[in-house]
N, C-alpha and C. Protein backbone atom coordinates (compact mmCIF):
# COMPACT_ATOMS: atom_id res chain seq x y z
N MET A 1 -6.59 -2.20 16.45
CA MET A 1 -6.64 -0.84 16.00
C MET A 1 -7.91 -0.68 15.16
N SER A 2 -8.56 0.43 15.27
CA SER A 2 -9.77 0.62 14.48
C SER A 2 -9.80 2.02 13.90
N THR A 3 -10.59 2.16 12.83
CA THR A 3 -10.76 3.46 12.20
C THR A 3 -12.13 3.98 12.54
N ALA A 4 -12.35 5.25 12.33
CA ALA A 4 -13.68 5.81 12.53
C ALA A 4 -14.63 5.17 11.52
N GLN A 5 -15.86 5.01 11.92
CA GLN A 5 -16.83 4.37 11.04
C GLN A 5 -16.90 5.10 9.70
N GLY A 6 -16.84 4.33 8.62
CA GLY A 6 -16.91 4.90 7.29
C GLY A 6 -15.57 5.24 6.68
N GLU A 7 -14.50 5.27 7.48
CA GLU A 7 -13.18 5.57 6.94
C GLU A 7 -12.54 4.31 6.37
N ALA A 8 -11.79 4.47 5.31
CA ALA A 8 -11.15 3.33 4.67
C ALA A 8 -9.63 3.41 4.78
N THR A 9 -9.13 4.18 5.72
CA THR A 9 -7.69 4.29 5.93
C THR A 9 -7.39 4.26 7.42
N VAL A 10 -6.12 4.01 7.74
CA VAL A 10 -5.68 4.03 9.12
C VAL A 10 -4.24 4.54 9.16
N THR A 11 -3.91 5.30 10.19
CA THR A 11 -2.54 5.77 10.41
C THR A 11 -1.80 4.67 11.18
N VAL A 12 -0.63 4.30 10.66
CA VAL A 12 0.15 3.22 11.27
C VAL A 12 1.49 3.77 11.71
N THR A 13 1.89 3.44 12.93
CA THR A 13 3.20 3.86 13.44
C THR A 13 4.00 2.63 13.86
N TRP A 14 5.31 2.76 13.78
CA TRP A 14 6.21 1.70 14.22
C TRP A 14 7.54 2.32 14.62
N SER A 15 8.35 1.55 15.31
CA SER A 15 9.69 2.00 15.68
C SER A 15 10.61 1.79 14.49
N GLU A 16 11.39 2.81 14.19
CA GLU A 16 12.32 2.70 13.07
C GLU A 16 13.36 1.63 13.39
N PRO A 17 13.74 0.82 12.40
CA PRO A 17 14.75 -0.21 12.66
C PRO A 17 16.13 0.40 12.85
N SER A 18 16.96 -0.27 13.61
CA SER A 18 18.34 0.19 13.77
C SER A 18 19.19 -0.47 12.68
N VAL A 19 20.19 0.24 12.22
CA VAL A 19 21.05 -0.25 11.15
C VAL A 19 22.49 -0.19 11.62
N THR A 20 23.16 -1.33 11.60
CA THR A 20 24.56 -1.36 11.96
C THR A 20 25.33 -2.21 10.96
N TYR A 21 26.57 -1.86 10.77
CA TYR A 21 27.45 -2.59 9.87
C TYR A 21 28.87 -2.33 10.37
N ALA A 22 29.65 -3.36 10.53
CA ALA A 22 30.97 -3.23 11.14
C ALA A 22 31.87 -2.22 10.43
N PHE A 23 31.75 -2.11 9.11
CA PHE A 23 32.65 -1.25 8.35
C PHE A 23 32.09 0.13 8.04
N ASP A 24 30.85 0.37 8.47
CA ASP A 24 30.23 1.67 8.20
C ASP A 24 29.21 1.95 9.30
N PRO A 25 29.57 2.74 10.30
CA PRO A 25 28.67 2.98 11.42
C PRO A 25 27.48 3.89 11.09
N ALA A 26 27.49 4.52 9.91
CA ALA A 26 26.41 5.44 9.57
C ALA A 26 25.98 5.28 8.10
N PRO A 27 25.39 4.14 7.75
CA PRO A 27 24.94 3.97 6.37
C PRO A 27 23.76 4.89 6.05
N THR A 28 23.54 5.12 4.76
CA THR A 28 22.39 5.90 4.32
C THR A 28 21.17 4.98 4.29
N VAL A 29 20.11 5.36 4.98
CA VAL A 29 18.91 4.52 5.05
C VAL A 29 17.72 5.29 4.47
N THR A 30 16.99 4.64 3.58
CA THR A 30 15.77 5.21 3.02
C THR A 30 14.64 4.20 3.21
N SER A 31 13.41 4.68 3.14
CA SER A 31 12.26 3.78 3.26
C SER A 31 11.16 4.20 2.30
N SER A 32 10.38 3.21 1.91
CA SER A 32 9.28 3.47 0.98
C SER A 32 8.11 4.17 1.66
N HIS A 33 7.99 4.01 2.97
CA HIS A 33 6.93 4.63 3.76
C HIS A 33 7.51 5.05 5.10
N GLN A 34 6.87 5.99 5.74
CA GLN A 34 7.32 6.49 7.04
C GLN A 34 6.33 6.08 8.13
N SER A 35 6.86 5.89 9.34
CA SER A 35 5.98 5.68 10.47
C SER A 35 5.06 6.89 10.58
N GLY A 36 3.77 6.65 10.75
CA GLY A 36 2.80 7.74 10.82
C GLY A 36 2.07 7.97 9.51
N ASP A 37 2.48 7.24 8.45
CA ASP A 37 1.78 7.35 7.17
C ASP A 37 0.37 6.77 7.29
N VAL A 38 -0.49 7.19 6.37
CA VAL A 38 -1.86 6.68 6.31
C VAL A 38 -1.90 5.57 5.27
N PHE A 39 -2.48 4.42 5.64
CA PHE A 39 -2.55 3.26 4.77
C PHE A 39 -4.00 2.92 4.46
N PRO A 40 -4.29 2.58 3.20
CA PRO A 40 -5.65 2.19 2.83
C PRO A 40 -5.91 0.73 3.18
N ILE A 41 -7.15 0.33 3.14
CA ILE A 41 -7.48 -1.08 3.30
C ILE A 41 -6.79 -1.83 2.17
N GLY A 42 -6.14 -2.92 2.51
CA GLY A 42 -5.40 -3.71 1.54
C GLY A 42 -4.02 -4.02 2.07
N THR A 43 -3.13 -4.44 1.19
CA THR A 43 -1.78 -4.84 1.56
C THR A 43 -0.77 -3.85 1.01
N THR A 44 0.14 -3.41 1.86
CA THR A 44 1.20 -2.49 1.47
C THR A 44 2.53 -3.03 1.96
N THR A 45 3.52 -3.09 1.08
CA THR A 45 4.86 -3.51 1.48
C THR A 45 5.68 -2.27 1.82
N VAL A 46 6.30 -2.31 2.99
CA VAL A 46 7.20 -1.24 3.43
C VAL A 46 8.62 -1.77 3.30
N THR A 47 9.46 -1.04 2.58
CA THR A 47 10.83 -1.47 2.33
C THR A 47 11.82 -0.46 2.90
N TYR A 48 12.80 -0.97 3.63
CA TYR A 48 13.92 -0.16 4.10
C TYR A 48 15.15 -0.58 3.31
N THR A 49 15.92 0.40 2.83
CA THR A 49 17.15 0.13 2.09
C THR A 49 18.30 0.85 2.77
N ALA A 50 19.36 0.11 3.04
CA ALA A 50 20.58 0.68 3.62
C ALA A 50 21.68 0.59 2.57
N VAL A 51 22.38 1.71 2.34
CA VAL A 51 23.51 1.74 1.42
C VAL A 51 24.74 2.09 2.24
N TYR A 52 25.72 1.22 2.19
CA TYR A 52 26.93 1.39 2.97
C TYR A 52 28.03 2.02 2.12
N SER A 53 29.01 2.61 2.77
CA SER A 53 30.08 3.34 2.07
C SER A 53 30.87 2.45 1.11
N LEU A 54 30.91 1.16 1.33
CA LEU A 54 31.63 0.25 0.44
C LEU A 54 30.77 -0.18 -0.74
N GLY A 55 29.56 0.39 -0.86
CA GLY A 55 28.68 0.05 -1.98
C GLY A 55 27.74 -1.11 -1.72
N VAL A 56 27.80 -1.69 -0.54
CA VAL A 56 26.91 -2.79 -0.19
C VAL A 56 25.50 -2.24 0.03
N VAL A 57 24.51 -2.90 -0.55
CA VAL A 57 23.11 -2.49 -0.40
C VAL A 57 22.36 -3.62 0.28
N SER A 58 21.55 -3.27 1.26
CA SER A 58 20.74 -4.25 1.99
C SER A 58 19.31 -3.77 2.05
N ASN A 59 18.37 -4.68 1.78
CA ASN A 59 16.94 -4.36 1.85
C ASN A 59 16.26 -5.26 2.86
N GLU A 60 15.36 -4.71 3.60
CA GLU A 60 14.47 -5.46 4.48
C GLU A 60 13.07 -4.93 4.28
N GLU A 61 12.09 -5.79 4.39
CA GLU A 61 10.72 -5.33 4.19
C GLU A 61 9.77 -6.03 5.14
N PHE A 62 8.63 -5.39 5.34
CA PHE A 62 7.54 -6.00 6.07
C PHE A 62 6.24 -5.56 5.40
N ILE A 63 5.19 -6.29 5.68
CA ILE A 63 3.89 -6.03 5.06
C ILE A 63 2.92 -5.49 6.10
N ILE A 64 2.20 -4.46 5.72
CA ILE A 64 1.11 -3.94 6.53
C ILE A 64 -0.16 -4.34 5.80
N ARG A 65 -1.02 -5.07 6.49
CA ARG A 65 -2.27 -5.52 5.90
C ARG A 65 -3.41 -4.93 6.73
N VAL A 66 -4.20 -4.07 6.11
CA VAL A 66 -5.33 -3.42 6.78
C VAL A 66 -6.59 -4.10 6.29
N LEU A 67 -7.36 -4.64 7.22
CA LEU A 67 -8.55 -5.40 6.89
C LEU A 67 -9.79 -4.80 7.54
N GLY A 68 -10.93 -4.98 6.92
CA GLY A 68 -12.20 -4.63 7.54
C GLY A 68 -12.58 -3.18 7.45
N LYS A 69 -13.81 -2.91 7.91
CA LYS A 69 -14.33 -1.54 7.88
C LYS A 69 -14.11 -0.83 9.20
N ARG A 70 -14.27 -1.53 10.31
CA ARG A 70 -14.11 -0.89 11.61
C ARG A 70 -12.92 -1.46 12.38
N ASP A 71 -12.77 -2.74 12.32
CA ASP A 71 -11.66 -3.37 13.04
C ASP A 71 -10.50 -3.56 12.09
N ILE A 72 -9.39 -3.00 12.42
CA ILE A 72 -8.21 -3.03 11.56
C ILE A 72 -7.17 -3.94 12.21
N LEU A 73 -6.69 -4.89 11.43
CA LEU A 73 -5.62 -5.77 11.89
C LEU A 73 -4.37 -5.46 11.09
N ILE A 74 -3.29 -5.31 11.80
CA ILE A 74 -2.02 -5.06 11.13
C ILE A 74 -1.14 -6.28 11.36
N LEU A 75 -0.79 -6.93 10.27
CA LEU A 75 0.04 -8.12 10.35
C LEU A 75 1.41 -7.80 9.78
N LEU A 76 2.43 -8.06 10.54
CA LEU A 76 3.79 -7.79 10.09
C LEU A 76 4.45 -9.11 9.72
N THR A 77 5.01 -9.21 8.54
CA THR A 77 5.67 -10.44 8.12
C THR A 77 7.11 -10.53 8.61
N HIS A 78 7.66 -9.43 9.04
CA HIS A 78 9.00 -9.43 9.62
C HIS A 78 8.97 -8.57 10.88
N LEU A 79 9.81 -8.88 11.79
CA LEU A 79 9.92 -8.04 12.98
C LEU A 79 10.50 -6.70 12.59
N ILE A 80 9.82 -5.65 12.97
CA ILE A 80 10.26 -4.30 12.60
C ILE A 80 11.60 -3.96 13.24
N ASN A 81 11.81 -4.46 14.42
CA ASN A 81 13.05 -4.12 15.11
C ASN A 81 14.24 -4.93 14.64
N LYS A 82 14.03 -5.80 13.66
CA LYS A 82 15.13 -6.59 13.11
C LYS A 82 16.16 -5.65 12.49
N GLN A 83 17.38 -5.88 12.76
CA GLN A 83 18.42 -5.04 12.18
C GLN A 83 18.57 -5.36 10.71
N LEU A 84 18.80 -4.34 9.92
CA LEU A 84 19.10 -4.54 8.51
C LEU A 84 20.49 -5.16 8.41
N THR A 85 20.59 -6.22 7.66
CA THR A 85 21.87 -6.90 7.53
C THR A 85 22.27 -6.99 6.07
N SER A 86 23.53 -7.14 5.85
CA SER A 86 24.07 -7.25 4.50
C SER A 86 24.03 -8.69 4.04
N ILE A 87 23.75 -8.85 2.77
CA ILE A 87 23.81 -10.17 2.15
C ILE A 87 24.90 -10.10 1.08
N TYR A 88 25.86 -10.94 1.20
CA TYR A 88 26.98 -10.93 0.24
C TYR A 88 26.70 -11.89 -0.87
């Protein structure tokens, strides 16, 4: 992925993760960033949080790392399609 010459940001898109939990088929999910947001050169952590009806909270995150002036590399530390899971 590359940006226009002289630009120091890039728009990043990804597939939203699916969230399932046996006791709550529709948990509330929030994220620190949205697919389609503009990211500056540097490292940004994207966090998804799921809150289930029983009060269980689960967080998953991945890192977007934008490098260089023209050539942009996006490195993900976690698979985006990984399901959010509960940790007891």
